[in-house]
Amino acid sequence: MPFWGLQKQLGIDVDSWLLRQSMPQPHGQAAACHAFEREWVECGHGLGQTRARRECQLEYEDFMECMKRTKL
């Protein structure tokens, strides 16, 4: 909602799960995979879901490798 911070007023946070690493961290330090998530979000911003899946596949794979700690 653009005019009211309804989620803050009610004390709920419905959409924070969308961006895992971009949430405020306990000690104020950026999370390990924050850079990969940021690249993925910036790539897909404004493209639309179908086009972003095609064009941002590499960024998404890098982010998932970091989150799942594969290919270390």
PDB file of N, CA and C in Angstrom:
ATOM      1  N   MET A   1       0.845  -1.186   0.000  1.00  0.00           N
ATOM      2  CA  MET A   1       0.000   0.000   0.000  1.00  0.00           C
ATOM      3  C   MET A   1       0.887   1.245   0.000  1.00  0.00           C
ATOM      4  N   PRO A   2       0.681   2.095  -0.958  1.00  0.00           N
ATOM      5  CA  PRO A   2       1.568   3.240  -1.075  1.00  0.00           C
ATOM      6  C   PRO A   2       1.336   4.330  -0.031  1.00  0.00           C
ATOM      7  N   PHE A   3       0.148   4.436   0.522  1.00  0.00           N
ATOM      8  CA  PHE A   3      -0.149   5.560   1.400  1.00  0.00           C
ATOM      9  C   PHE A   3      -0.004   5.234   2.877  1.00  0.00           C
ATOM     10  N   TRP A   4      -0.206   3.993   3.237  1.00  0.00           N
ATOM     11  CA  TRP A   4      -0.129   3.607   4.637  1.00  0.00           C
ATOM     12  C   TRP A   4       0.877   2.486   4.820  1.00  0.00           C
ATOM     13  N   GLY A   5       1.592   2.520   5.913  1.00  0.00           N
ATOM     14  CA  GLY A   5       2.469   1.412   6.241  1.00  0.00           C
ATOM     15  C   GLY A   5       1.680   0.406   7.054  1.00  0.00           C
ATOM     16  N   LEU A   6       0.700  -0.220   6.430  1.00  0.00           N
ATOM     17  CA  LEU A   6      -0.234  -1.091   7.139  1.00  0.00           C
ATOM     18  C   LEU A   6       0.477  -2.281   7.776  1.00  0.00           C
ATOM     19  N   GLN A   7       1.459  -2.848   7.074  1.00  0.00           N
ATOM     20  CA  GLN A   7       2.168  -3.988   7.643  1.00  0.00           C
ATOM     21  C   GLN A   7       2.916  -3.593   8.903  1.00  0.00           C
ATOM     22  N   LYS A   8       3.531  -2.410   8.901  1.00  0.00           N
ATOM     23  CA  LYS A   8       4.249  -1.957  10.092  1.00  0.00           C
ATOM     24  C   LYS A   8       3.281  -1.659  11.231  1.00  0.00           C
ATOM     25  N   GLN A   9       2.146  -1.071  10.909  1.00  0.00           N
ATOM     26  CA  GLN A   9       1.171  -0.737  11.944  1.00  0.00           C
ATOM     27  C   GLN A   9       0.608  -1.986  12.604  1.00  0.00           C
ATOM     28  N   LEU A  10       0.400  -3.037  11.824  1.00  0.00           N
ATOM     29  CA  LEU A  10      -0.156  -4.272  12.365  1.00  0.00           C
ATOM     30  C   LEU A  10       0.914  -5.203  12.922  1.00  0.00           C
ATOM     31  N   GLY A  11       2.175  -4.885  12.658  1.00  0.00           N
ATOM     32  CA  GLY A  11       3.258  -5.710  13.175  1.00  0.00           C
ATOM     33  C   GLY A  11       3.468  -7.008  12.419  1.00  0.00           C
ATOM     34  N   ILE A  12       3.071  -7.024  11.144  1.00  0.00           N
ATOM     35  CA  ILE A  12       3.275  -8.232  10.333  1.00  0.00           C
ATOM     36  C   ILE A  12       4.239  -7.901   9.202  1.00  0.00           C
ATOM     37  N   ASP A  13       4.863  -8.918   8.672  1.00  0.00           N
ATOM     38  CA  ASP A  13       5.783  -8.734   7.561  1.00  0.00           C
ATOM     39  C   ASP A  13       5.546  -9.851   6.561  1.00  0.00           C
ATOM     40  N   VAL A  14       4.724  -9.569   5.568  1.00  0.00           N
ATOM     41  CA  VAL A  14       4.270 -10.585   4.632  1.00  0.00           C
ATOM     42  C   VAL A  14       5.296 -10.886   3.547  1.00  0.00           C
ATOM     43  N   ASP A  15       6.009  -9.876   3.076  1.00  0.00           N
ATOM     44  CA  ASP A  15       6.846 -10.075   1.904  1.00  0.00           C
ATOM     45  C   ASP A  15       8.338 -10.073   2.177  1.00  0.00           C
ATOM     46  N   SER A  16       8.770 -10.186   3.409  1.00  0.00           N
ATOM     47  CA  SER A  16      10.207 -10.168   3.690  1.00  0.00           C
ATOM     48  C   SER A  16      10.899 -11.438   3.222  1.00  0.00           C
ATOM     49  N   TRP A  17      10.169 -12.510   3.051  1.00  0.00           N
ATOM     50  CA  TRP A  17      10.777 -13.764   2.603  1.00  0.00           C
ATOM     51  C   TRP A  17      11.252 -13.690   1.168  1.00  0.00           C
ATOM     52  N   LEU A  18      10.784 -12.685   0.412  1.00  0.00           N
ATOM     53  CA  LEU A  18      11.192 -12.572  -0.979  1.00  0.00           C
ATOM     54  C   LEU A  18      12.685 -12.279  -1.118  1.00  0.00           C
ATOM     55  N   LEU A  19      13.202 -11.450  -0.252  1.00  0.00           N
ATOM     56  CA  LEU A  19      14.608 -11.084  -0.302  1.00  0.00           C
ATOM     57  C   LEU A  19      15.278 -11.528   0.981  1.00  0.00           C
ATOM     58  N   ARG A  20      15.874 -12.672   0.967  1.00  0.00           N
ATOM     59  CA  ARG A  20      16.433 -13.274   2.175  1.00  0.00           C
ATOM     60  C   ARG A  20      17.638 -12.515   2.703  1.00  0.00           C
ATOM     61  N   GLN A  21      18.574 -12.199   1.845  1.00  0.00           N
ATOM     62  CA  GLN A  21      19.834 -11.617   2.282  1.00  0.00           C
ATOM     63  C   GLN A  21      19.753 -10.108   2.471  1.00  0.00           C
ATOM     64  N   SER A  22      18.751  -9.469   1.921  1.00  0.00           N
ATOM     65  CA  SER A  22      18.664  -8.015   1.988  1.00  0.00           C
ATOM     66  C   SER A  22      17.999  -7.509   3.263  1.00  0.00           C
ATOM     67  N   MET A  23      17.541  -8.406   4.093  1.00  0.00           N
ATOM     68  CA  MET A  23      16.911  -7.994   5.350  1.00  0.00           C
ATOM     69  C   MET A  23      17.964  -7.396   6.284  1.00  0.00           C
ATOM     70  N   PRO A  24      17.565  -6.607   7.252  1.00  0.00           N
ATOM     71  CA  PRO A  24      18.523  -6.103   8.227  1.00  0.00           C
ATOM     72  C   PRO A  24      19.169  -7.260   8.986  1.00  0.00           C
ATOM     73  N   GLN A  25      20.488  -7.241   9.056  1.00  0.00           N
ATOM     74  CA  GLN A  25      21.234  -8.308   9.708  1.00  0.00           C
ATOM     75  C   GLN A  25      21.473  -7.963  11.176  1.00  0.00           C
ATOM     76  N   PRO A  26      21.657  -8.959  12.038  1.00  0.00           N
ATOM     77  CA  PRO A  26      21.770  -8.721  13.476  1.00  0.00           C
ATOM     78  C   PRO A  26      22.909  -7.785  13.874  1.00  0.00           C
ATOM     79  N   HIS A  27      24.065  -7.911  13.251  1.00  0.00           N
ATOM     80  CA  HIS A  27      25.208  -7.083  13.638  1.00  0.00           C
ATOM     81  C   HIS A  27      25.515  -5.999  12.621  1.00  0.00           C
ATOM     82  N   GLY A  28      24.604  -5.769  11.707  1.00  0.00           N
ATOM     83  CA  GLY A  28      24.759  -4.705  10.725  1.00  0.00           C
ATOM     84  C   GLY A  28      25.716  -5.028   9.592  1.00  0.00           C
ATOM     85  N   GLN A  29      26.174  -6.263   9.485  1.00  0.00           N
ATOM     86  CA  GLN A  29      27.067  -6.652   8.403  1.00  0.00           C
ATOM     87  C   GLN A  29      26.253  -7.322   7.296  1.00  0.00           C
ATOM     88  N   ALA A  30      26.684  -7.108   6.071  1.00  0.00           N
ATOM     89  CA  ALA A  30      25.976  -7.712   4.943  1.00  0.00           C
ATOM     90  C   ALA A  30      26.141  -9.225   4.969  1.00  0.00           C
ATOM     91  N   ALA A  31      25.119  -9.920   4.555  1.00  0.00           N
ATOM     92  CA  ALA A  31      25.153 -11.380   4.518  1.00  0.00           C
ATOM     93  C   ALA A  31      26.091 -11.854   3.409  1.00  0.00           C
ATOM     94  N   ALA A  32      26.478 -13.113   3.475  1.00  0.00           N
ATOM     95  CA  ALA A  32      27.455 -13.662   2.539  1.00  0.00           C
ATOM     96  C   ALA A  32      26.972 -13.618   1.093  1.00  0.00           C
ATOM     97  N   CYS A  33      25.715 -13.868   0.848  1.00  0.00           N
ATOM     98  CA  CYS A  33      25.197 -13.949  -0.524  1.00  0.00           C
ATOM     99  C   CYS A  33      24.453 -12.679  -0.940  1.00  0.00           C
ATOM    100  N   HIS A  34      24.615 -11.619  -0.195  1.00  0.00           N
ATOM    101  CA  HIS A  34      23.893 -10.381  -0.477  1.00  0.00           C
ATOM    102  C   HIS A  34      24.217  -9.850  -1.872  1.00  0.00           C
ATOM    103  N   ALA A  35      25.483  -9.903  -2.270  1.00  0.00           N
ATOM    104  CA  ALA A  35      25.882  -9.370  -3.578  1.00  0.00           C
ATOM    105  C   ALA A  35      25.227 -10.147  -4.718  1.00  0.00           C
ATOM    106  N   PHE A  36      25.152 -11.472  -4.580  1.00  0.00           N
ATOM    107  CA  PHE A  36      24.535 -12.290  -5.634  1.00  0.00           C
ATOM    108  C   PHE A  36      23.042 -12.019  -5.733  1.00  0.00           C
ATOM    109  N   GLU A  37      22.394 -11.875  -4.576  1.00  0.00           N
ATOM    110  CA  GLU A  37      20.960 -11.585  -4.587  1.00  0.00           C
ATOM    111  C   GLU A  37      20.699 -10.220  -5.201  1.00  0.00           C
ATOM    112  N   ARG A  38      21.549  -9.277  -4.880  1.00  0.00           N
ATOM    113  CA  ARG A  38      21.375  -7.924  -5.402  1.00  0.00           C
ATOM    114  C   ARG A  38      21.520  -7.905  -6.925  1.00  0.00           C
ATOM    115  N   GLU A  39      22.515  -8.624  -7.459  1.00  0.00           N
ATOM    116  CA  GLU A  39      22.682  -8.706  -8.914  1.00  0.00           C
ATOM    117  C   GLU A  39      21.456  -9.321  -9.578  1.00  0.00           C
ATOM    118  N   TRP A  40      20.911 -10.361  -8.959  1.00  0.00           N
ATOM    119  CA  TRP A  40      19.735 -11.034  -9.511  1.00  0.00           C
ATOM    120  C   TRP A  40      18.524 -10.105  -9.521  1.00  0.00           C
ATOM    121  N   VAL A  41      18.315  -9.390  -8.430  1.00  0.00           N
ATOM    122  CA  VAL A  41      17.172  -8.472  -8.341  1.00  0.00           C
ATOM    123  C   VAL A  41      17.331  -7.324  -9.321  1.00  0.00           C
ATOM    124  N   GLU A  42      18.538  -6.773  -9.425  1.00  0.00           N
ATOM    125  CA  GLU A  42      18.759  -5.673 -10.362  1.00  0.00           C
ATOM    126  C   GLU A  42      18.586  -6.118 -11.805  1.00  0.00           C
ATOM    127  N   CYS A  43      18.988  -7.344 -12.105  1.00  0.00           N
ATOM    128  CA  CYS A  43      18.828  -7.862 -13.469  1.00  0.00           C
ATOM    129  C   CYS A  43      17.347  -7.990 -13.830  1.00  0.00           C
ATOM    130  N   GLY A  44      16.554  -8.507 -12.926  1.00  0.00           N
ATOM    131  CA  GLY A  44      15.150  -8.770 -13.226  1.00  0.00           C
ATOM    132  C   GLY A  44      14.229  -7.583 -13.033  1.00  0.00           C
ATOM    133  N   HIS A  45      14.741  -6.498 -12.472  1.00  0.00           N
ATOM    134  CA  HIS A  45      13.893  -5.342 -12.188  1.00  0.00           C
ATOM    135  C   HIS A  45      13.350  -4.738 -13.477  1.00  0.00           C
ATOM    136  N   GLY A  46      12.048  -4.702 -13.587  1.00  0.00           N
ATOM    137  CA  GLY A  46      11.391  -4.058 -14.715  1.00  0.00           C
ATOM    138  C   GLY A  46      11.280  -4.900 -15.976  1.00  0.00           C
ATOM    139  N   LEU A  47      11.725  -6.151 -15.953  1.00  0.00           N
ATOM    140  CA  LEU A  47      11.668  -6.974 -17.161  1.00  0.00           C
ATOM    141  C   LEU A  47      10.374  -7.761 -17.290  1.00  0.00           C
ATOM    142  N   GLY A  48       9.778  -8.095 -16.190  1.00  0.00           N
ATOM    143  CA  GLY A  48       8.628  -8.987 -16.220  1.00  0.00           C
ATOM    144  C   GLY A  48       9.088 -10.398 -15.922  1.00  0.00           C
ATOM    145  N   GLN A  49       8.195 -11.215 -15.411  1.00  0.00           N
ATOM    146  CA  GLN A  49       8.563 -12.534 -14.910  1.00  0.00           C
ATOM    147  C   GLN A  49       9.098 -13.461 -16.002  1.00  0.00           C
ATOM    148  N   THR A  50       8.431 -13.532 -17.136  1.00  0.00           N
ATOM    149  CA  THR A  50       8.830 -14.462 -18.192  1.00  0.00           C
ATOM    150  C   THR A  50      10.191 -14.089 -18.773  1.00  0.00           C
ATOM    151  N   ARG A  51      10.364 -12.841 -19.086  1.00  0.00           N
ATOM    152  CA  ARG A  51      11.630 -12.391 -19.681  1.00  0.00           C
ATOM    153  C   ARG A  51      12.777 -12.451 -18.671  1.00  0.00           C
ATOM    154  N   ALA A  52      12.493 -12.135 -17.417  1.00  0.00           N
ATOM    155  CA  ALA A  52      13.535 -12.168 -16.388  1.00  0.00           C
ATOM    156  C   ALA A  52      14.018 -13.590 -16.134  1.00  0.00           C
ATOM    157  N   ARG A  53      13.140 -14.561 -16.201  1.00  0.00           N
ATOM    158  CA  ARG A  53      13.561 -15.959 -16.020  1.00  0.00           C
ATOM    159  C   ARG A  53      14.562 -16.362 -17.089  1.00  0.00           C
ATOM    160  N   ARG A  54      14.350 -15.913 -18.303  1.00  0.00           N
ATOM    161  CA  ARG A  54      15.246 -16.248 -19.398  1.00  0.00           C
ATOM    162  C   ARG A  54      16.570 -15.492 -19.299  1.00  0.00           C
ATOM    163  N   GLU A  55      16.490 -14.181 -19.110  1.00  0.00           N
ATOM    164  CA  GLU A  55      17.670 -13.329 -19.202  1.00  0.00           C
ATOM    165  C   GLU A  55      18.508 -13.304 -17.928  1.00  0.00           C
ATOM    166  N   CYS A  56      17.935 -13.631 -16.790  1.00  0.00           N
ATOM    167  CA  CYS A  56      18.659 -13.543 -15.522  1.00  0.00           C
ATOM    168  C   CYS A  56      18.956 -14.915 -14.927  1.00  0.00           C
ATOM    169  N   GLN A  57      18.961 -15.918 -15.765  1.00  0.00           N
ATOM    170  CA  GLN A  57      19.185 -17.285 -15.287  1.00  0.00           C
ATOM    171  C   GLN A  57      20.567 -17.436 -14.658  1.00  0.00           C
ATOM    172  N   LEU A  58      21.594 -16.832 -15.239  1.00  0.00           N
ATOM    173  CA  LEU A  58      22.950 -16.956 -14.693  1.00  0.00           C
ATOM    174  C   LEU A  58      23.062 -16.327 -13.307  1.00  0.00           C
ATOM    175  N   GLU A  59      22.466 -15.156 -13.131  1.00  0.00           N
ATOM    176  CA  GLU A  59      22.504 -14.492 -11.830  1.00  0.00           C
ATOM    177  C   GLU A  59      21.756 -15.306 -10.776  1.00  0.00           C
ATOM    178  N   TYR A  60      20.619 -15.893 -11.178  1.00  0.00           N
ATOM    179  CA  TYR A  60      19.846 -16.710 -10.248  1.00  0.00           C
ATOM    180  C   TYR A  60      20.621 -17.964  -9.856  1.00  0.00           C
ATOM    181  N   GLU A  61      21.289 -18.597 -10.816  1.00  0.00           N
ATOM    182  CA  GLU A  61      22.078 -19.785 -10.502  1.00  0.00           C
ATOM    183  C   GLU A  61      23.233 -19.462  -9.569  1.00  0.00           C
ATOM    184  N   ASP A  62      23.895 -18.328  -9.782  1.00  0.00           N
ATOM    185  CA  ASP A  62      24.967 -17.920  -8.879  1.00  0.00           C
ATOM    186  C   ASP A  62      24.441 -17.705  -7.465  1.00  0.00           C
ATOM    187  N   PHE A  63      23.282 -17.078  -7.365  1.00  0.00           N
ATOM    188  CA  PHE A  63      22.675 -16.830  -6.058  1.00  0.00           C
ATOM    189  C   PHE A  63      22.322 -18.141  -5.355  1.00  0.00           C
ATOM    190  N   MET A  64      21.739 -19.074  -6.080  1.00  0.00           N
ATOM    191  CA  MET A  64      21.370 -20.355  -5.477  1.00  0.00           C
ATOM    192  C   MET A  64      22.603 -21.189  -5.091  1.00  0.00           C
ATOM    193  N   GLU A  65      23.670 -21.095  -5.886  1.00  0.00           N
ATOM    194  CA  GLU A  65      24.908 -21.788  -5.515  1.00  0.00           C
ATOM    195  C   GLU A  65      25.452 -21.243  -4.204  1.00  0.00           C
ATOM    196  N   CYS A  66      25.375 -19.946  -4.044  1.00  0.00           N
ATOM    197  CA  CYS A  66      25.854 -19.344  -2.802  1.00  0.00           C
ATOM    198  C   CYS A  66      24.968 -19.730  -1.620  1.00  0.00           C
ATOM    199  N   MET A  67      23.652 -19.722  -1.827  1.00  0.00           N
ATOM    200  CA  MET A  67      22.730 -20.047  -0.735  1.00  0.00           C
ATOM    201  C   MET A  67      22.849 -21.513  -0.310  1.00  0.00           C
ATOM    202  N   LYS A  68      22.997 -22.390  -1.297  1.00  0.00           N
ATOM    203  CA  LYS A  68      23.057 -23.830  -0.988  1.00  0.00           C
ATOM    204  C   LYS A  68      24.477 -24.313  -0.766  1.00  0.00           C
ATOM    205  N   ARG A  69      25.436 -23.427  -0.955  1.00  0.00           N
ATOM    206  CA  ARG A  69      26.870 -23.720  -0.765  1.00  0.00           C
ATOM    207  C   ARG A  69      27.331 -24.897  -1.612  1.00  0.00           C
ATOM    208  N   THR A  70      26.958 -24.875  -2.863  1.00  0.00           N
ATOM    209  CA  THR A  70      27.445 -25.877  -3.797  1.00  0.00           C
ATOM    210  C   THR A  70      28.564 -25.237  -4.628  1.00  0.00           C
ATOM    211  N   LYS A  71      29.385 -26.032  -5.237  1.00  0.00           N
ATOM    212  CA  LYS A  71      30.509 -25.571  -6.068  1.00  0.00           C
ATOM    213  C   LYS A  71      31.446 -24.649  -5.298  1.00  0.00           C
ATOM    214  N   LEU A  72      31.696 -24.952  -4.039  1.00  0.00           N
ATOM    215  CA  LEU A  72      32.666 -24.152  -3.298  1.00  0.00           C
ATOM    216  C   LEU A  72      34.023 -24.637  -3.679  1.00  0.00           C
TER     217      LEU A  72
END
